[in-house]
PDB file of N, CA and C in Angstrom:
ATOM      1  N   MET A   1      80.902 136.964 108.556  1.00  0.00           N
ATOM      2  CA  MET A   1      81.363 136.461 109.840  1.00  0.00           C
ATOM      3  C   MET A   1      81.621 137.737 110.930  1.00  0.00           C
ATOM      4  N   GLU A   2      80.726 137.652 112.116  1.00  0.00           N
ATOM      5  CA  GLU A   2      81.235 138.768 112.467  1.00  0.00           C
ATOM      6  C   GLU A   2      81.937 138.703 114.000  1.00  0.00           C
ATOM      7  N   SER A   3      82.329 139.541 114.007  1.00  0.00           N
ATOM      8  CA  SER A   3      83.800 139.927 114.941  1.00  0.00           C
ATOM      9  C   SER A   3      83.062 140.184 116.214  1.00  0.00           C
ATOM     10  N   LYS A   4      83.606 139.669 117.528  1.00  0.00           N
ATOM     11  CA  LYS A   4      83.373 139.919 118.529  1.00  0.00           C
ATOM     12  C   LYS A   4      84.601 140.158 119.637  1.00  0.00           C
ATOM     13  N   THR A   5      84.262 141.008 120.165  1.00  0.00           N
ATOM     14  CA  THR A   5      85.838 141.531 121.166  1.00  0.00           C
ATOM     15  C   THR A   5      85.351 140.070 122.482  1.00  0.00           C
ATOM     16  N   VAL A   6      87.131 139.828 122.717  1.00  0.00           N
ATOM     17  CA  VAL A   6      86.963 138.695 123.913  1.00  0.00           C
ATOM     18  C   VAL A   6      87.857 139.184 124.934  1.00  0.00           C
ATOM     19  N   TYR A   7      88.338 140.353 124.420  1.00  0.00           N
ATOM     20  CA  TYR A   7      89.320 141.133 125.984  1.00  0.00           C
ATOM     21  C   TYR A   7      89.335 142.767 125.438  1.00  0.00           C
ATOM     22  N   SER A   8      89.371 143.486 126.444  1.00  0.00           N
ATOM     23  CA  SER A   8      89.393 144.682 126.582  1.00  0.00           C
ATOM     24  C   SER A   8      90.101 144.631 127.523  1.00  0.00           C
ATOM     25  N   THR A   9      91.113 146.005 127.671  1.00  0.00           N
ATOM     26  CA  THR A   9      92.062 146.283 127.758  1.00  0.00           C
ATOM     27  C   THR A   9      90.973 147.274 129.629  1.00  0.00           C
ATOM     28  N   GLU A  10      89.828 147.503 129.230  1.00  0.00           N
ATOM     29  CA  GLU A  10      89.471 148.234 130.290  1.00  0.00           C
ATOM     30  C   GLU A  10      88.633 147.447 131.058  1.00  0.00           C
ATOM     31  N   HIS A  11      87.966 146.705 130.607  1.00  0.00           N
ATOM     32  CA  HIS A  11      87.244 145.386 131.356  1.00  0.00           C
ATOM     33  C   HIS A  11      87.355 143.970 131.771  1.00  0.00           C
ATOM     34  N   GLY A  12      88.449 143.911 130.678  1.00  0.00           N
ATOM     35  CA  GLY A  12      89.275 142.357 130.649  1.00  0.00           C
ATOM     36  C   GLY A  12      88.176 141.779 130.060  1.00  0.00           C
ATOM     37  N   ARG A  13      88.440 140.172 130.255  1.00  0.00           N
ATOM     38  CA  ARG A  13      87.605 139.237 129.599  1.00  0.00           C
ATOM     39  C   ARG A  13      86.452 139.343 129.230  1.00  0.00           C
ATOM     40  N   MET A  14      85.827 139.091 128.117  1.00  0.00           N
ATOM     41  CA  MET A  14      84.378 139.345 127.360  1.00  0.00           C
ATOM     42  C   MET A  14      83.798 138.455 127.283  1.00  0.00           C
ATOM     43  N   CYS A  15      82.665 138.208 127.438  1.00  0.00           N
ATOM     44  CA  CYS A  15      81.266 137.209 127.381  1.00  0.00           C
ATOM     45  C   CYS A  15      81.279 137.535 125.880  1.00  0.00           C
ATOM     46  N   ALA A  16      81.665 136.100 125.432  1.00  0.00           N
ATOM     47  CA  ALA A  16      81.197 135.577 123.557  1.00  0.00           C
ATOM     48  C   ALA A  16      80.320 136.203 123.803  1.00  0.00           C
ATOM     49  N   LYS A  17      78.690 135.816 124.129  1.00  0.00           N
ATOM     50  CA  LYS A  17      77.664 135.482 124.146  1.00  0.00           C
ATOM     51  C   LYS A  17      76.848 137.013 123.909  1.00  0.00           C
ATOM     52  N   CYS A  18      77.096 137.859 125.162  1.00  0.00           N
ATOM     53  CA  CYS A  18      76.685 139.072 124.745  1.00  0.00           C
ATOM     54  C   CYS A  18      77.474 140.360 124.907  1.00  0.00           C
ATOM     55  N   SER A  19      78.748 140.258 124.731  1.00  0.00           N
ATOM     56  CA  SER A  19      79.949 141.256 124.351  1.00  0.00           C
ATOM     57  C   SER A  19      79.945 142.153 126.163  1.00  0.00           C
ATOM     58  N   ARG A  20      80.084 141.669 126.920  1.00  0.00           N
ATOM     59  CA  ARG A  20      79.610 141.820 128.530  1.00  0.00           C
ATOM     60  C   ARG A  20      80.757 141.444 129.071  1.00  0.00           C
ATOM     61  N   ALA A  21      81.785 142.630 129.950  1.00  0.00           N
ATOM     62  CA  ALA A  21      82.610 141.796 131.051  1.00  0.00           C
ATOM     63  C   ALA A  21      82.133 140.543 131.626  1.00  0.00           C
ATOM     64  N   ILE A  22      82.963 140.142 131.988  1.00  0.00           N
ATOM     65  CA  ILE A  22      82.581 138.667 132.619  1.00  0.00           C
ATOM     66  C   ILE A  22      82.235 138.980 133.524  1.00  0.00           C
ATOM     67  N   ALA A  23      82.736 139.871 134.385  1.00  0.00           N
ATOM     68  CA  ALA A  23      82.134 140.127 136.000  1.00  0.00           C
ATOM     69  C   ALA A  23      80.404 140.538 135.720  1.00  0.00           C
ATOM     70  N   GLN A  24      79.984 141.172 134.180  1.00  0.00           N
ATOM     71  CA  GLN A  24      78.868 141.497 134.336  1.00  0.00           C
ATOM     72  C   GLN A  24      77.591 140.754 133.783  1.00  0.00           C
ATOM     73  N   CYS A  25      78.463 139.623 132.916  1.00  0.00           N
ATOM     74  CA  CYS A  25      77.840 138.599 132.001  1.00  0.00           C
ATOM     75  C   CYS A  25      76.732 137.847 133.097  1.00  0.00           C
ATOM     76  N   GLU A  26      75.268 137.633 132.588  1.00  0.00           N
ATOM     77  CA  GLU A  26      74.653 137.108 133.383  1.00  0.00           C
ATOM     78  C   GLU A  26      74.088 135.589 131.990  1.00  0.00           C
ATOM     79  N   CYS A  27      74.336 135.718 130.726  1.00  0.00           N
ATOM     80  CA  CYS A  27      74.158 134.729 130.372  1.00  0.00           C
ATOM     81  C   CYS A  27      74.600 133.549 130.684  1.00  0.00           C
ATOM     82  N   GLY A  28      76.140 132.984 130.992  1.00  0.00           N
ATOM     83  CA  GLY A  28      76.843 132.143 131.018  1.00  0.00           C
ATOM     84  C   GLY A  28      76.595 131.658 132.638  1.00  0.00           C
ATOM     85  N   ARG A  29      75.986 132.186 133.374  1.00  0.00           N
ATOM     86  CA  ARG A  29      76.311 131.500 134.782  1.00  0.00           C
ATOM     87  C   ARG A  29      75.072 131.096 135.283  1.00  0.00           C
ATOM     88  N   THR A  30      75.918 129.962 136.016  1.00  0.00           N
ATOM     89  CA  THR A  30      75.065 128.563 136.610  1.00  0.00           C
ATOM     90  C   THR A  30      75.464 128.357 137.484  1.00  0.00           C
ATOM     91  N   LYS A  31      74.589 127.938 137.921  1.00  0.00           N
ATOM     92  CA  LYS A  31      75.015 127.534 139.004  1.00  0.00           C
ATOM     93  C   LYS A  31      75.702 126.483 139.799  1.00  0.00           C
ATOM     94  N   ALA A  32      76.415 126.913 140.853  1.00  0.00           N
ATOM     95  CA  ALA A  32      77.570 125.507 140.878  1.00  0.00           C
ATOM     96  C   ALA A  32      77.293 124.536 141.671  1.00  0.00           C
ATOM     97  N   VAL A  33      77.842 123.572 140.873  1.00  0.00           N
ATOM     98  CA  VAL A  33      77.318 121.808 141.061  1.00  0.00           C
ATOM     99  C   VAL A  33      78.283 121.757 142.626  1.00  0.00           C
ATOM    100  N   LEU A  34      77.771 121.725 144.090  1.00  0.00           N
ATOM    101  CA  LEU A  34      79.086 121.116 145.050  1.00  0.00           C
ATOM    102  C   LEU A  34      78.435 119.764 145.343  1.00  0.00           C
ATOM    103  N   LYS A  35      80.449 119.690 145.241  1.00  0.00           N
ATOM    104  CA  LYS A  35      80.793 118.132 145.285  1.00  0.00           C
ATOM    105  C   LYS A  35      80.107 117.203 146.159  1.00  0.00           C
ATOM    106  N   GLY A  36      80.531 117.998 147.648  1.00  0.00           N
ATOM    107  CA  GLY A  36      80.327 118.050 149.223  1.00  0.00           C
ATOM    108  C   GLY A  36      79.159 117.592 149.386  1.00  0.00           C
ATOM    109  N   ASN A  37      79.379 116.727 150.331  1.00  0.00           N
ATOM    110  CA  ASN A  37      77.856 116.025 151.031  1.00  0.00           C
ATOM    111  C   ASN A  37      77.403 116.617 151.966  1.00  0.00           C
ATOM    112  N   GLY A  38      78.643 117.443 152.749  1.00  0.00           N
ATOM    113  CA  GLY A  38      78.691 117.968 154.343  1.00  0.00           C
ATOM    114  C   GLY A  38      78.787 117.211 155.402  1.00  0.00           C
ATOM    115  N   ASN A  39      79.513 115.709 154.934  1.00  0.00           N
ATOM    116  CA  ASN A  39      80.092 114.945 155.958  1.00  0.00           C
ATOM    117  C   ASN A  39      81.528 115.368 155.921  1.00  0.00           C
ATOM    118  N   VAL A  40      81.982 115.885 156.150  1.00  0.00           N
ATOM    119  CA  VAL A  40      83.502 116.730 156.168  1.00  0.00           C
ATOM    120  C   VAL A  40      84.507 115.670 157.232  1.00  0.00           C
ATOM    121  N   ARG A  41      85.189 114.836 156.154  1.00  0.00           N
ATOM    122  CA  ARG A  41      86.330 114.024 156.911  1.00  0.00           C
ATOM    123  C   ARG A  41      87.567 114.268 156.450  1.00  0.00           C
ATOM    124  N   VAL A  42      88.794 114.083 157.677  1.00  0.00           N
ATOM    125  CA  VAL A  42      89.450 114.522 157.634  1.00  0.00           C
ATOM    126  C   VAL A  42      90.609 112.634 158.002  1.00  0.00           C
ATOM    127  N   GLY A  43      91.353 112.752 156.722  1.00  0.00           N
ATOM    128  CA  GLY A  43      92.176 111.014 156.921  1.00  0.00           C
ATOM    129  C   GLY A  43      93.109 111.473 156.416  1.00  0.00           C
ATOM    130  N   LEU A  44      93.996 110.315 156.297  1.00  0.00           N
ATOM    131  CA  LEU A  44      95.155 110.100 156.751  1.00  0.00           C
ATOM    132  C   LEU A  44      95.603 109.248 154.981  1.00  0.00           C
ATOM    133  N   GLN A  45      96.448 109.447 153.878  1.00  0.00           N
ATOM    134  CA  GLN A  45      97.078 108.303 153.124  1.00  0.00           C
ATOM    135  C   GLN A  45      98.502 108.206 152.687  1.00  0.00           C
ATOM    136  N   THR A  46      98.435 107.150 152.484  1.00  0.00           N
ATOM    137  CA  THR A  46     100.372 106.777 152.562  1.00  0.00           C
ATOM    138  C   THR A  46     100.468 105.866 151.241  1.00  0.00           C
ATOM    139  N   LYS A  47      99.096 105.570 150.777  1.00  0.00           N
ATOM    140  CA  LYS A  47      99.419 104.993 149.474  1.00  0.00           C
ATOM    141  C   LYS A  47      99.730 105.592 148.190  1.00  0.00           C
ATOM    142  N   GLY A  48     100.342 105.130 147.466  1.00  0.00           N
ATOM    143  CA  GLY A  48     101.381 105.372 145.920  1.00  0.00           C
ATOM    144  C   GLY A  48     102.103 106.782 146.664  1.00  0.00           C
ATOM    145  N   ARG A  49     102.214 107.386 147.563  1.00  0.00           N
ATOM    146  CA  ARG A  49     103.175 108.123 147.739  1.00  0.00           C
ATOM    147  C   ARG A  49     104.252 107.579 148.845  1.00  0.00           C
ATOM    148  N   LYS A  50     104.771 107.158 147.856  1.00  0.00           N
ATOM    149  CA  LYS A  50     106.436 106.556 148.622  1.00  0.00           C
ATOM    150  C   LYS A  50     106.486 106.885 149.641  1.00  0.00           C
ATOM    151  N   GLY A  51     105.711 106.537 151.030  1.00  0.00           N
ATOM    152  CA  GLY A  51     105.607 106.438 152.406  1.00  0.00           C
ATOM    153  C   GLY A  51     105.258 107.771 153.217  1.00  0.00           C
ATOM    154  N   LYS A  52     105.410 108.658 151.935  1.00  0.00           N
ATOM    155  CA  LYS A  52     104.521 110.458 152.608  1.00  0.00           C
ATOM    156  C   LYS A  52     103.096 110.458 152.987  1.00  0.00           C
ATOM    157  N   GLY A  53     103.015 110.634 154.761  1.00  0.00           N
ATOM    158  CA  GLY A  53     101.374 110.543 154.573  1.00  0.00           C
ATOM    159  C   GLY A  53     100.790 112.373 154.008  1.00  0.00           C
ATOM    160  N   VAL A  54      99.600 112.533 153.596  1.00  0.00           N
ATOM    161  CA  VAL A  54      98.941 113.643 152.955  1.00  0.00           C
ATOM    162  C   VAL A  54      97.551 113.156 153.688  1.00  0.00           C
ATOM    163  N   THR A  55      97.255 113.914 154.311  1.00  0.00           N
ATOM    164  CA  THR A  55      95.889 114.695 154.933  1.00  0.00           C
ATOM    165  C   THR A  55      94.940 114.970 154.164  1.00  0.00           C
ATOM    166  N   LEU A  56      93.973 114.188 153.676  1.00  0.00           N
ATOM    167  CA  LEU A  56      92.837 113.931 152.701  1.00  0.00           C
ATOM    168  C   LEU A  56      91.621 115.067 153.575  1.00  0.00           C
ATOM    169  N   ILE A  57      91.181 116.230 153.428  1.00  0.00           N
ATOM    170  CA  ILE A  57      89.778 117.015 153.404  1.00  0.00           C
ATOM    171  C   ILE A  57      88.714 116.004 152.621  1.00  0.00           C
ATOM    172  N   THR A  58      87.519 115.461 152.887  1.00  0.00           N
ATOM    173  CA  THR A  58      87.033 115.172 151.645  1.00  0.00           C
ATOM    174  C   THR A  58      85.449 115.936 152.350  1.00  0.00           C
ATOM    175  N   GLY A  59      84.293 116.125 151.407  1.00  0.00           N
ATOM    176  CA  GLY A  59      82.998 116.202 151.745  1.00  0.00           C
ATOM    177  C   GLY A  59      82.780 118.012 152.219  1.00  0.00           C
ATOM    178  N   LEU A  60      83.522 118.768 151.728  1.00  0.00           N
ATOM    179  CA  LEU A  60      83.216 119.938 151.747  1.00  0.00           C
ATOM    180  C   LEU A  60      82.620 120.549 151.042  1.00  0.00           C
ATOM    181  N   PRO A  61      81.331 121.441 151.285  1.00  0.00           N
ATOM    182  CA  PRO A  61      79.932 121.616 150.141  1.00  0.00           C
ATOM    183  C   PRO A  61      80.745 122.925 149.850  1.00  0.00           C
ATOM    184  N   LEU A  62      81.578 122.952 149.560  1.00  0.00           N
ATOM    185  CA  LEU A  62      81.956 124.258 148.765  1.00  0.00           C
ATOM    186  C   LEU A  62      82.118 124.095 147.247  1.00  0.00           C
ATOM    187  N   ASP A  63      82.039 125.560 146.383  1.00  0.00           N
ATOM    188  CA  ASP A  63      82.456 125.279 144.962  1.00  0.00           C
ATOM    189  C   ASP A  63      84.189 125.163 144.975  1.00  0.00           C
ATOM    190  N   GLU A  64      84.504 125.218 143.765  1.00  0.00           N
ATOM    191  CA  GLU A  64      86.099 125.145 143.175  1.00  0.00           C
ATOM    192  C   GLU A  64      86.758 126.181 143.774  1.00  0.00           C
ATOM    193  N   ASP A  65      86.372 127.631 143.740  1.00  0.00           N
ATOM    194  CA  ASP A  65      86.808 128.853 144.481  1.00  0.00           C
ATOM    195  C   ASP A  65      86.684 128.852 145.988  1.00  0.00           C
ATOM    196  N   GLU A  66      85.913 128.406 146.181  1.00  0.00           N
ATOM    197  CA  GLU A  66      86.164 128.242 147.716  1.00  0.00           C
ATOM    198  C   GLU A  66      86.854 127.696 148.282  1.00  0.00           C
ATOM    199  N   LEU A  67      87.074 126.724 147.519  1.00  0.00           N
ATOM    200  CA  LEU A  67      87.890 125.144 148.334  1.00  0.00           C
ATOM    201  C   LEU A  67      89.370 125.513 147.952  1.00  0.00           C
ATOM    202  N   GLN A  68      89.266 126.578 146.944  1.00  0.00           N
ATOM    203  CA  GLN A  68      91.217 126.776 146.834  1.00  0.00           C
ATOM    204  C   GLN A  68      90.878 127.940 147.738  1.00  0.00           C
ATOM    205  N   ARG A  69      90.177 128.586 148.191  1.00  0.00           N
ATOM    206  CA  ARG A  69      90.654 129.700 149.066  1.00  0.00           C
ATOM    207  C   ARG A  69      90.393 129.210 150.417  1.00  0.00           C
ATOM    208  N   LEU A  70      89.976 127.900 150.603  1.00  0.00           N
ATOM    209  CA  LEU A  70      90.236 127.291 151.965  1.00  0.00           C
ATOM    210  C   LEU A  70      91.358 126.364 152.119  1.00  0.00           C
ATOM    211  N   ALA A  71      91.497 125.877 150.862  1.00  0.00           N
ATOM    212  CA  ALA A  71      93.321 124.664 151.281  1.00  0.00           C
ATOM    213  C   ALA A  71      94.292 125.983 151.739  1.00  0.00           C
ATOM    214  N   LYS A  72      93.921 127.207 150.561  1.00  0.00           N
ATOM    215  CA  LYS A  72      95.130 128.558 151.166  1.00  0.00           C
ATOM    216  C   LYS A  72      95.592 128.649 152.318  1.00  0.00           C
ATOM    217  N   GLU A  73      94.447 128.640 153.041  1.00  0.00           N
ATOM    218  CA  GLU A  73      93.888 129.192 154.343  1.00  0.00           C
ATOM    219  C   GLU A  73      94.572 128.458 155.455  1.00  0.00           C
ATOM    220  N   LEU A  74      94.301 127.051 154.945  1.00  0.00           N
ATOM    221  CA  LEU A  74      94.818 125.764 156.210  1.00  0.00           C
ATOM    222  C   LEU A  74      96.216 125.344 155.392  1.00  0.00           C
ATOM    223  N   LYS A  75      96.622 125.948 154.511  1.00  0.00           N
ATOM    224  CA  LYS A  75      98.459 125.691 154.172  1.00  0.00           C
ATOM    225  C   LYS A  75      98.942 126.483 154.810  1.00  0.00           C
ATOM    226  N   GLN A  76      98.401 127.768 154.827  1.00  0.00           N
ATOM    227  CA  GLN A  76      99.184 128.724 155.713  1.00  0.00           C
ATOM    228  C   GLN A  76      98.867 128.310 157.135  1.00  0.00           C
ATOM    229  N   LYS A  77      98.201 127.805 157.976  1.00  0.00           N
ATOM    230  CA  LYS A  77      97.376 127.697 159.259  1.00  0.00           C
ATOM    231  C   LYS A  77      98.623 126.422 159.816  1.00  0.00           C
ATOM    232  N   CYS A  78      98.766 125.280 158.743  1.00  0.00           N
ATOM    233  CA  CYS A  78      99.701 124.403 159.138  1.00  0.00           C
ATOM    234  C   CYS A  78     101.409 124.468 158.995  1.00  0.00           C
ATOM    235  N   GLY A  79     101.359 125.791 157.676  1.00  0.00           N
ATOM    236  CA  GLY A  79     103.430 125.931 157.424  1.00  0.00           C
ATOM    237  C   GLY A  79     103.313 125.148 156.362  1.00  0.00           C
ATOM    238  N   THR A  80     102.571 124.297 155.778  1.00  0.00           N
ATOM    239  CA  THR A  80     103.217 123.107 154.803  1.00  0.00           C
ATOM    240  C   THR A  80     102.558 123.773 153.568  1.00  0.00           C
ATOM    241  N   GLY A  81     102.577 122.765 152.454  1.00  0.00           N
ATOM    242  CA  GLY A  81     102.389 122.675 150.962  1.00  0.00           C
ATOM    243  C   GLY A  81     100.678 121.917 150.803  1.00  0.00           C
ATOM    244  N   GLY A  82     100.221 121.656 149.890  1.00  0.00           N
ATOM    245  CA  GLY A  82      99.027 120.817 149.574  1.00  0.00           C
ATOM    246  C   GLY A  82      98.164 121.257 148.121  1.00  0.00           C
ATOM    247  N   THR A  83      97.009 120.922 147.959  1.00  0.00           N
ATOM    248  CA  THR A  83      96.430 121.044 147.085  1.00  0.00           C
ATOM    249  C   THR A  83      95.530 120.739 146.703  1.00  0.00           C
ATOM    250  N   VAL A  84      94.307 121.115 145.837  1.00  0.00           N
ATOM    251  CA  VAL A  84      92.877 120.636 145.875  1.00  0.00           C
ATOM    252  C   VAL A  84      93.119 119.664 144.187  1.00  0.00           C
ATOM    253  N   LYS A  85      92.297 118.238 144.737  1.00  0.00           N
ATOM    254  CA  LYS A  85      91.905 117.636 143.525  1.00  0.00           C
ATOM    255  C   LYS A  85      90.780 117.176 143.326  1.00  0.00           C
ATOM    256  N   ASN A  86      89.917 117.287 142.529  1.00  0.00           N
ATOM    257  CA  ASN A  86      88.696 116.700 142.343  1.00  0.00           C
ATOM    258  C   ASN A  86      87.593 116.775 143.491  1.00  0.00           C
ATOM    259  N   GLY A  87      87.947 117.913 143.915  1.00  0.00           N
ATOM    260  CA  GLY A  87      86.897 118.192 145.369  1.00  0.00           C
ATOM    261  C   GLY A  87      87.256 117.878 147.120  1.00  0.00           C
ATOM    262  N   VAL A  88      88.520 117.764 146.665  1.00  0.00           N
ATOM    263  CA  VAL A  88      89.619 116.902 148.049  1.00  0.00           C
ATOM    264  C   VAL A  88      90.801 118.162 148.274  1.00  0.00           C
ATOM    265  N   ILE A  89      90.731 118.159 148.905  1.00  0.00           N
ATOM    266  CA  ILE A  89      92.120 119.075 149.665  1.00  0.00           C
ATOM    267  C   ILE A  89      92.813 118.576 150.322  1.00  0.00           C
ATOM    268  N   GLU A  90      94.031 118.456 150.157  1.00  0.00           N
ATOM    269  CA  GLU A  90      95.299 117.663 150.097  1.00  0.00           C
ATOM    270  C   GLU A  90      96.406 118.321 150.858  1.00  0.00           C
ATOM    271  N   ILE A  91      96.536 117.869 152.022  1.00  0.00           N
ATOM    272  CA  ILE A  91      97.580 118.790 152.942  1.00  0.00           C
ATOM    273  C   ILE A  91      98.710 117.764 153.184  1.00  0.00           C
ATOM    274  N   GLN A  92     100.043 118.162 152.886  1.00  0.00           N
ATOM    275  CA  GLN A  92     101.384 117.641 153.269  1.00  0.00           C
ATOM    276  C   GLN A  92     101.498 117.467 154.825  1.00  0.00           C
ATOM    277  N   GLY A  93     101.859 115.867 155.054  1.00  0.00           N
ATOM    278  CA  GLY A  93     102.540 115.689 156.491  1.00  0.00           C
ATOM    279  C   GLY A  93     100.746 115.245 156.739  1.00  0.00           C
ATOM    280  N   ASP A  94     101.035 114.827 158.267  1.00  0.00           N
ATOM    281  CA  ASP A  94      99.687 113.985 159.501  1.00  0.00           C
ATOM    282  C   ASP A  94      99.627 115.280 160.079  1.00  0.00           C
ATOM    283  N   ARG A  95      98.352 115.970 159.923  1.00  0.00           N
ATOM    284  CA  ARG A  95      97.967 117.071 160.564  1.00  0.00           C
ATOM    285  C   ARG A  95      96.646 116.832 161.006  1.00  0.00           C
ATOM    286  N   ARG A  96      96.255 115.826 160.636  1.00  0.00           N
ATOM    287  CA  ARG A  96      94.420 115.370 161.164  1.00  0.00           C
ATOM    288  C   ARG A  96      94.020 116.410 162.514  1.00  0.00           C
ATOM    289  N   THR A  97      94.555 115.520 163.249  1.00  0.00           N
ATOM    290  CA  THR A  97      93.884 117.122 164.714  1.00  0.00           C
ATOM    291  C   THR A  97      93.933 118.176 164.709  1.00  0.00           C
ATOM    292  N   MET A  98      94.980 118.939 164.083  1.00  0.00           N
ATOM    293  CA  MET A  98      95.055 120.235 164.173  1.00  0.00           C
ATOM    294  C   MET A  98      93.526 120.823 162.755  1.00  0.00           C
ATOM    295  N   LEU A  99      93.936 119.940 161.772  1.00  0.00           N
ATOM    296  CA  LEU A  99      92.617 120.668 160.612  1.00  0.00           C
ATOM    297  C   LEU A  99      90.934 120.134 161.424  1.00  0.00           C
ATOM    298  N   VAL A 100      91.134 119.098 162.103  1.00  0.00           N
ATOM    299  CA  VAL A 100      89.482 118.786 162.455  1.00  0.00           C
ATOM    300  C   VAL A 100      89.320 120.086 163.381  1.00  0.00           C
ATOM    301  N   GLU A 101      90.107 120.347 164.296  1.00  0.00           N
ATOM    302  CA  GLU A 101      89.949 121.625 164.916  1.00  0.00           C
ATOM    303  C   GLU A 101      89.794 122.614 164.363  1.00  0.00           C
ATOM    304  N   GLU A 102      90.349 123.100 163.362  1.00  0.00           N
ATOM    305  CA  GLU A 102      90.353 124.112 163.167  1.00  0.00           C
ATOM    306  C   GLU A 102      89.139 124.687 162.002  1.00  0.00           C
ATOM    307  N   LEU A 103      88.622 123.357 161.089  1.00  0.00           N
ATOM    308  CA  LEU A 103      87.287 123.317 160.776  1.00  0.00           C
ATOM    309  C   LEU A 103      86.244 123.257 161.687  1.00  0.00           C
ATOM    310  N   LYS A 104      86.478 122.758 162.846  1.00  0.00           N
ATOM    311  CA  LYS A 104      85.308 122.741 163.745  1.00  0.00           C
ATOM    312  C   LYS A 104      84.911 124.040 164.155  1.00  0.00           C
ATOM    313  N   GLY A 105      86.328 125.159 164.362  1.00  0.00           N
ATOM    314  CA  GLY A 105      85.805 126.758 164.692  1.00  0.00           C
ATOM    315  C   GLY A 105      85.628 127.061 163.731  1.00  0.00           C
ATOM    316  N   ARG A 106      85.505 126.734 162.261  1.00  0.00           N
ATOM    317  CA  ARG A 106      84.998 127.197 161.046  1.00  0.00           C
ATOM    318  C   ARG A 106      83.314 127.122 161.048  1.00  0.00           C
ATOM    319  N   GLY A 107      83.070 126.162 161.853  1.00  0.00           N
ATOM    320  CA  GLY A 107      81.501 125.619 161.818  1.00  0.00           C
ATOM    321  C   GLY A 107      81.373 124.459 160.643  1.00  0.00           C
ATOM    322  N   TYR A 108      82.448 123.717 160.574  1.00  0.00           N
ATOM    323  CA  TYR A 108      81.794 122.437 159.683  1.00  0.00           C
ATOM    324  C   TYR A 108      82.203 121.455 161.076  1.00  0.00           C
ATOM    325  N   SER A 109      81.178 120.291 160.457  1.00  0.00           N
ATOM    326  CA  SER A 109      81.343 119.181 161.311  1.00  0.00           C
ATOM    327  C   SER A 109      82.356 117.890 160.708  1.00  0.00           C
ATOM    328  N   ALA A 110      83.500 118.199 161.145  1.00  0.00           N
ATOM    329  CA  ALA A 110      84.896 117.630 160.618  1.00  0.00           C
ATOM    330  C   ALA A 110      85.007 116.293 161.791  1.00  0.00           C
ATOM    331  N   ARG A 111      84.806 115.109 161.342  1.00  0.00           N
ATOM    332  CA  ARG A 111      85.404 114.141 162.078  1.00  0.00           C
ATOM    333  C   ARG A 111      86.855 113.115 161.217  1.00  0.00           C
ATOM    334  N   LEU A 112      87.628 112.670 162.164  1.00  0.00           N
ATOM    335  CA  LEU A 112      88.975 111.969 161.792  1.00  0.00           C
ATOM    336  C   LEU A 112      87.592 110.514 160.890  1.00  0.00           C
ATOM    337  N   SER A 113      88.374 109.754 159.724  1.00  0.00           N
ATOM    338  CA  SER A 113      88.008 109.075 159.109  1.00  0.00           C
ATOM    339  C   SER A 113      89.219 107.899 159.144  1.00  0.00           C
ATOM    340  N   GLY A 114      89.653 106.643 158.737  1.00  0.00           N
ATOM    341  CA  GLY A 114      90.333 105.714 158.833  1.00  0.00           C
ATOM    342  C   GLY A 114      90.796 105.190 160.189  1.00  0.00           C
ATOM    343  N   GLY A 115      92.003 104.210 160.470  1.00  0.00           N
ATOM    344  CA  GLY A 115      92.205 103.827 161.644  1.00  0.00           C
ATOM    345  C   GLY A 115      93.307 104.830 161.973  1.00  0.00           C
TER     346      GLY A 115
END
């Protein structure tokens, strides 16, 4: 059985197929599938949250890393917590109007959804 290096203190994680650093590996790279369709919707949800409102942002055409980065920036802008689940950014509280304006300022065609 052939032994391959999976971690190097010099390069970090290594690819199991080509034995290169993950940053330089080309063999396992595939294009990330974008979940959003470009119709960015910002809505409020209180169901199943014991009456606490959560602002949901759906339809962003970003991969998981970019969603995490955007969520972090939006949470800092709002001064509140939140998370990313299944391609949907959740921000605690009712921050719909602020988030729509922020997303429009970043070039997305964001709209309010729901009633």
